[in-house]
Protein backbone atom coordinates (compact mmCIF):
# COMPACT_ATOMS: atom_id res chain seq x y z
CA MET A 1 -0.11 -0.18 -0.01
CA LYS A 2 1.36 3.46 -0.79
CA TYR A 3 0.51 6.50 1.06
CA GLY A 4 0.42 10.30 0.37
CA PHE A 5 -0.79 13.90 1.38
CA GLY A 6 -3.23 16.51 0.15
CA ILE A 7 -2.77 19.67 1.34
CA ASP A 8 -5.22 22.77 1.09
CA LEU A 9 -3.34 25.86 1.15
CA GLY A 10 -5.54 28.68 2.37
CA GLY A 11 -5.23 32.40 3.67
CA THR A 12 -5.68 31.55 7.19
CA THR A 13 -4.63 28.15 7.77
CA VAL A 14 -3.10 25.02 5.71
CA LYS A 15 -5.35 22.28 6.01
CA ILE A 16 -3.02 19.08 5.38
CA ALA A 17 -4.50 15.18 5.17
CA TYR A 18 -2.88 11.73 4.93
CA PHE A 19 -4.49 9.23 2.77
CA ASP A 20 -3.94 5.58 1.48
CA GLU A 21 -3.86 5.08 -2.10
CA THR A 22 -7.53 3.94 -2.00
CA GLY A 23 -8.39 7.42 -0.96
CA ASN A 24 -9.12 6.75 2.52
CA MET A 25 -8.56 9.92 4.73
CA LEU A 26 -6.29 8.30 7.45
CA ASP A 27 -5.52 11.61 9.40
CA LYS A 28 -5.92 15.40 8.85
CA TRP A 29 -4.48 18.69 10.79
CA GLU A 30 -3.85 22.42 10.35
CA ILE A 31 -1.17 24.60 10.80
CA PRO A 32 -1.24 28.59 10.49
CA THR A 33 -0.55 30.26 7.34
CA VAL A 34 2.38 32.73 7.78
CA THR A 35 1.90 35.52 5.30
CA ASP A 36 4.72 37.53 6.91
CA ASN A 37 7.74 38.60 4.43
CA GLY A 38 5.80 37.65 1.15
CA GLY A 39 4.61 34.24 2.30
CA ALA A 40 8.30 33.01 2.58
CA GLN A 41 7.56 30.73 5.21
CA ILE A 42 4.84 29.01 4.23
CA LEU A 43 6.09 26.15 2.12
CA PRO A 44 8.99 25.43 4.59
CA ASP A 45 6.09 25.33 7.12
CA ILE A 46 4.54 22.74 5.26
CA ALA A 47 7.45 20.57 4.56
CA GLU A 48 8.51 20.44 8.26
CA SER A 49 4.71 19.66 9.28
CA ILE A 50 4.86 16.70 6.98
CA HIS A 51 8.22 15.75 7.92
CA GLN A 52 7.39 16.10 11.68
CA TYR A 53 4.33 13.66 10.99
CA ILE A 54 6.37 11.18 8.98
CA GLU A 55 8.89 10.69 11.77
CA GLY A 56 6.35 10.72 14.51
CA TYR A 57 4.47 7.81 13.06
CA ALA A 58 7.87 5.81 11.73
CA ILE A 59 6.52 6.19 8.27
CA PRO A 60 8.91 4.92 5.49
CA GLU A 61 9.80 7.26 3.10
CA THR A 62 9.47 4.42 0.38
CA ALA A 63 5.80 4.21 1.16
CA ILE A 64 5.01 7.71 -0.06
CA LEU A 65 3.80 8.09 -3.38
CA GLY A 66 3.80 11.96 -3.41
CA LEU A 67 1.81 15.23 -2.36
CA GLY A 68 -0.80 17.48 -4.03
CA ILE A 69 -1.59 20.94 -3.29
CA GLY A 70 -4.36 23.30 -3.81
CA VAL A 71 -3.44 27.08 -3.96
CA PRO A 72 -5.58 30.27 -3.97
CA GLY A 73 -4.29 31.55 -7.18
CA PRO A 74 -3.70 30.66 -10.78
CA VAL A 75 -1.61 27.43 -11.31
CA ASN A 76 -0.63 25.83 -14.74
CA ALA A 77 0.07 22.26 -15.60
CA LYS A 78 3.50 22.86 -14.57
CA GLY A 79 3.27 23.83 -11.27
CA VAL A 80 3.70 27.59 -11.91
CA VAL A 81 1.89 29.74 -9.66
CA ASN A 82 0.80 33.05 -11.35
CA LYS A 83 0.32 35.25 -8.48
CA CYS A 84 -1.42 34.73 -4.87
CA ILE A 85 -2.07 38.18 -4.12
CA ASN A 86 -3.69 37.15 -0.32
CA LEU A 87 -0.54 35.45 0.37
CA GLY A 88 2.08 37.78 -0.95
CA TRP A 89 3.36 35.25 -3.31
CA GLY A 90 4.38 36.13 -7.10
CA VAL A 91 5.10 33.89 -9.83
CA PHE A 92 7.18 30.54 -9.34
CA ASN A 93 7.05 27.09 -9.66
CA ILE A 94 5.49 25.79 -6.44
CA ALA A 95 5.53 22.10 -7.17
CA GLN A 96 9.35 22.14 -7.73
CA THR A 97 9.81 24.22 -4.64
CA LEU A 98 7.84 22.11 -2.40
CA SER A 99 9.46 18.98 -3.83
CA GLU A 100 12.73 20.24 -3.07
CA LEU A 101 12.08 21.01 0.53
CA THR A 102 9.97 17.71 1.27
CA GLY A 103 12.14 15.32 -1.01
CA PHE A 104 8.72 13.99 -2.69
CA PRO A 105 7.37 14.51 -5.90
CA VAL A 106 4.74 17.14 -5.76
CA LYS A 107 1.57 17.98 -7.77
CA ALA A 108 -0.41 21.53 -7.57
CA GLY A 109 -3.61 23.02 -8.76
CA ASN A 110 -5.90 26.00 -8.20
CA ASP A 111 -7.56 25.29 -4.85
CA ALA A 112 -11.28 25.67 -6.49
CA ASN A 113 -10.20 23.12 -9.39
CA VAL A 114 -8.67 20.91 -6.73
CA ALA A 115 -11.79 20.80 -4.50
CA ALA A 116 -13.83 20.50 -7.54
CA LEU A 117 -11.92 17.46 -8.04
CA GLY A 118 -12.32 15.87 -4.54
CA GLU A 119 -15.64 16.26 -5.11
CA PHE A 120 -16.13 14.54 -8.23
CA TRP A 121 -13.72 11.67 -6.84
CA LYS A 122 -15.21 11.07 -3.38
CA GLY A 123 -18.27 13.80 -3.18
CA GLY A 124 -21.42 14.84 -4.92
CA GLY A 125 -19.91 14.03 -8.41
CA GLN A 126 -19.39 10.75 -7.97
CA GLY A 127 -20.24 8.27 -10.76
CA CYS A 128 -20.25 11.13 -13.36
CA ASP A 129 -18.00 12.32 -16.10
CA ASN A 130 -18.79 15.86 -16.62
CA MET A 131 -19.19 17.97 -13.56
CA VAL A 132 -19.19 21.67 -12.81
CA PHE A 133 -18.59 22.54 -9.37
CA VAL A 134 -19.02 26.11 -7.67
CA THR A 135 -18.13 27.17 -4.56
CA LEU A 136 -20.26 30.09 -2.81
CA GLY A 137 -18.30 31.69 -0.14
CA THR A 138 -16.58 34.89 0.56
CA GLY A 139 -16.02 34.95 -3.17
CA VAL A 140 -17.21 32.67 -5.96
CA GLY A 141 -15.01 30.12 -6.93
CA GLY A 142 -15.21 26.90 -9.34
CA GLY A 143 -13.79 23.95 -10.99
CA ILE A 144 -15.23 21.85 -14.32
CA VAL A 145 -14.52 18.29 -14.86
CA VAL A 146 -15.21 17.21 -18.59
CA GLU A 147 -14.79 13.77 -19.72
CA GLY A 148 -13.43 12.73 -16.26
CA ASN A 149 -10.43 15.63 -16.65
CA LEU A 150 -9.77 18.67 -14.78
CA LEU A 151 -10.16 21.75 -16.94
CA HIS A 152 -7.07 23.77 -16.13
CA GLY A 153 -6.59 26.06 -19.20
CA ALA A 154 -3.50 27.68 -20.81
CA HIS A 155 -2.92 29.86 -18.28
CA GLY A 156 -4.17 27.91 -14.96
CA SER A 157 -7.26 30.11 -14.79
CA GLY A 158 -9.79 27.51 -16.22
CA ALA A 159 -13.43 27.68 -14.92
CA GLU A 160 -12.79 31.27 -13.10
CA ILE A 161 -16.43 31.06 -13.32
CA GLY A 162 -16.77 33.87 -10.48
CA HIS A 163 -15.54 36.42 -12.82
CA LEU A 164 -17.93 36.10 -15.76
CA VAL A 165 -20.17 39.18 -15.77
CA LEU A 166 -23.54 39.53 -14.94
CA ASN A 167 -24.36 43.05 -14.70
CA ARG A 168 -22.63 45.13 -17.63
CA GLU A 169 -24.54 48.40 -15.82
CA GLU A 170 -22.60 47.76 -12.41
CA THR A 171 -20.58 51.09 -10.92
CA VAL A 172 -18.94 49.10 -8.13
CA PRO A 173 -15.63 47.33 -9.14
CA CYS A 174 -15.25 43.86 -8.48
CA ASN A 175 -12.16 42.32 -6.45
CA CYS A 176 -10.65 41.55 -9.57
CA GLY A 177 -10.90 45.02 -10.88
CA LYS A 178 -13.91 44.08 -13.31
CA LYS A 179 -17.28 45.36 -12.71
CA GLY A 180 -20.59 43.29 -12.61
CA CYS A 181 -19.00 39.88 -11.78
CA VAL A 182 -20.70 36.95 -10.41
CA GLU A 183 -19.06 37.23 -7.28
CA GLN A 184 -20.61 40.68 -6.69
CA TYR A 185 -24.08 39.09 -6.44
CA CYS A 186 -23.81 35.41 -5.68
CA SER A 187 -21.08 35.19 -3.04
CA ALA A 188 -21.88 35.55 0.69
CA THR A 189 -20.18 38.89 0.56
CA GLY A 190 -22.45 39.77 -2.48
CA ILE A 191 -25.73 38.69 -1.18
CA VAL A 192 -25.36 40.79 1.74
CA ARG A 193 -24.55 43.73 -0.32
CA LEU A 194 -27.85 42.67 -2.55
CA ALA A 195 -29.73 42.82 0.68
CA LYS A 196 -28.29 46.26 1.91
CA LEU A 197 -29.04 47.87 -1.63
CA TYR A 198 -32.54 46.70 -1.10
CA LEU A 199 -33.04 47.62 2.06
CA SER A 200 -31.75 51.24 1.76
CA SER A 201 -33.93 51.94 -1.55
CA HIS A 202 -37.07 50.32 -0.23
CA ASP A 203 -39.47 51.06 2.78
CA ALA A 204 -40.92 47.46 3.26
CA PRO A 205 -40.60 46.37 7.07
CA SER A 206 -38.26 43.46 7.63
CA LYS A 207 -36.58 41.72 10.48
CA LEU A 208 -33.38 42.32 8.45
CA ARG A 209 -33.14 46.22 9.58
CA GLU A 210 -33.06 45.12 13.13
CA LEU A 211 -29.58 43.27 13.03
CA GLU A 212 -26.47 45.04 13.60
CA ASN A 213 -24.11 42.85 11.46
CA LEU A 214 -26.04 41.44 8.79
CA THR A 215 -24.86 37.92 7.47
CA CYS A 216 -25.87 35.84 4.52
CA LYS A 217 -27.09 33.33 6.73
CA ASP A 218 -29.39 36.07 8.30
CA ILE A 219 -30.69 36.43 5.11
CA PHE A 220 -31.46 32.85 4.10
CA ASP A 221 -32.96 32.26 7.73
CA ALA A 222 -35.34 35.43 7.37
CA GLY A 223 -36.18 33.94 4.11
CA LYS A 224 -37.12 30.63 5.38
CA ALA A 225 -39.32 32.15 8.12
CA GLY A 226 -41.24 34.28 5.41
CA ASP A 227 -39.83 37.65 5.81
CA PRO A 228 -41.09 39.48 2.72
CA ALA A 229 -37.97 41.68 2.08
CA ALA A 230 -35.62 38.49 2.58
CA LEU A 231 -38.02 36.59 -0.10
CA VAL A 232 -37.34 39.54 -2.51
CA ILE A 233 -33.75 39.67 -2.04
CA LEU A 234 -33.37 35.97 -2.50
CA ASP A 235 -35.33 35.97 -5.47
CA GLN A 236 -32.82 38.45 -6.84
CA VAL A 237 -30.06 36.27 -5.85
CA TYR A 238 -31.47 32.90 -7.30
CA ARG A 239 -32.25 34.78 -10.60
CA TYR A 240 -28.36 35.81 -10.75
CA MET A 241 -27.33 32.25 -9.73
CA GLY A 242 -29.95 30.57 -12.63
CA GLU A 243 -28.45 32.46 -14.95
CA PHE A 244 -25.09 32.35 -14.43
CA LEU A 245 -25.21 28.63 -14.10
CA ALA A 246 -27.02 28.32 -17.02
CA ASN A 247 -24.33 29.88 -19.19
CA VAL A 248 -21.71 27.68 -17.63
CA CYS A 249 -23.70 24.66 -18.16
CA SER A 250 -24.62 25.65 -21.89
CA THR A 251 -20.87 25.78 -22.57
CA VAL A 252 -19.77 22.60 -20.82
CA ASP A 253 -23.10 20.41 -20.70
CA PRO A 254 -22.66 18.71 -17.00
CA GLU A 255 -24.25 15.82 -15.60
CA VAL A 256 -24.24 17.50 -12.52
CA VAL A 257 -23.86 21.16 -10.76
CA VAL A 258 -22.07 20.51 -7.34
CA ILE A 259 -22.67 23.77 -5.17
CA GLY A 260 -20.57 23.84 -2.13
CA GLY A 261 -19.10 26.82 0.15
CA GLY A 262 -20.44 28.43 3.04
CA VAL A 263 -23.66 29.51 1.13
CA SER A 264 -24.55 26.08 0.42
CA LYS A 265 -25.32 25.33 3.90
CA ALA A 266 -28.54 26.92 3.17
CA GLY A 267 -29.55 23.62 1.99
CA ASP A 268 -32.19 22.53 -0.81
CA VAL A 269 -33.92 25.87 -0.60
CA LEU A 270 -30.90 27.02 -2.68
CA ILE A 271 -31.27 24.56 -5.15
CA GLN A 272 -35.18 25.22 -5.62
CA GLY A 273 -34.85 28.76 -5.89
CA ILE A 274 -32.04 28.29 -8.53
CA GLU A 275 -33.76 25.76 -10.70
CA PRO A 276 -36.57 27.57 -12.18
CA TYR A 277 -34.15 30.33 -13.46
CA PHE A 278 -31.58 27.86 -14.40
CA GLN A 279 -34.29 26.13 -16.63
CA LYS A 280 -35.68 29.65 -17.97
CA TYR A 281 -31.98 30.59 -19.12
CA VAL A 282 -30.24 27.39 -19.89
CA PHE A 283 -30.18 26.09 -23.59
CA HIS A 284 -32.21 23.07 -23.99
CA ALA A 285 -29.74 20.47 -24.58
CA ALA A 286 -28.32 21.32 -21.67
CA SER A 287 -31.29 21.53 -19.27
CA GLY A 288 -30.85 17.93 -18.06
CA ALA A 289 -28.17 19.06 -15.63
CA ARG A 290 -29.01 18.08 -11.90
CA PHE A 291 -28.22 19.92 -9.04
CA ALA A 292 -26.46 18.57 -5.84
CA LEU A 293 -25.11 19.94 -2.63
CA ALA A 294 -21.23 19.11 -1.97
CA SER A 295 -20.83 16.30 0.66
CA LEU A 296 -17.05 16.87 1.62
CA GLY A 297 -17.34 20.28 3.08
CA ASN A 298 -13.81 21.49 4.34
CA ASP A 299 -12.12 18.26 3.01
CA ALA A 300 -13.06 18.59 -0.65
CA GLY A 301 -9.66 20.71 -1.17
CA ALA A 302 -7.28 17.89 0.80
CA TYR A 303 -9.14 14.93 -1.41
CA GLY A 304 -8.73 16.73 -4.38
CA ALA A 305 -5.31 17.64 -3.83
CA PHE A 306 -4.48 14.00 -3.15
CA LYS A 307 -6.01 12.86 -6.00
CA LEU A 308 -3.51 14.98 -8.22
CA ALA A 309 -0.79 13.55 -6.73
CA LEU A 310 -2.37 9.70 -7.06
CA ASP A 311 -3.16 10.32 -10.55
CA ALA A 312 0.53 11.71 -11.33
CA PHE A 313 2.49 9.47 -9.14
CA GLY A 314 0.34 6.65 -7.94
């Protein structure tokens, strides 16, 4: 039996998991992401943590097939990162650097793409050959699997579906610098923004006005309780999501759309709200795509990262 590690690198923490070659997660832990000095310590910290684990459990190095890592930024097929703004990184070969630090072969990918691979392999996309994965969190990320293969793109930015333009009349810039991106309306941050815009321009009574620090969860909870303003806001969100996902599915024609990220915790009400608008906007031949909630939670990135290594070195 061979073993390996899946690493999900985030802006606050690094999630590391230990797997056997069949995909069983045997252990997992976290270390802090130290972004000081341009993130210079991040990869040495990961390497040290993995070596401590191997030594602590007396694992023969010959049993390790390799490491996979998901990174919050564009990564090409050769493992070259093209800037990770929130980590302070520029352009360099992360796979080569981490391999030199650990002594093991390394495969790297974009974090959202890698999480998609995890859900495709062991989560909501199991049994499919074509899948769209969308993460609705602080931002909107995505991953696309076509005929069993993860779409990376020529420049490592394949499936950056959060930055498709939905509203050309938008005046406020997205974090990416463009205006009117999906992320501005369908992320948790975007949903709160839409709610505040609606409440400031309408006099309708709402429990949401009583909340000092409005959250996305508050809006969904109010909608489930029948709050009229929340229902109007959520209908606007569902329309944006339905149109956005219809455009994606009209392009890649998946069997399933798997929805993850914090917003997905709203549950089936999210899918029920999206589907009518999806059917309204999607090309008829792609209308058979079904929707599913992600099932791996915060472990999707680690599973997908290990699958990268398993496919490359197993």
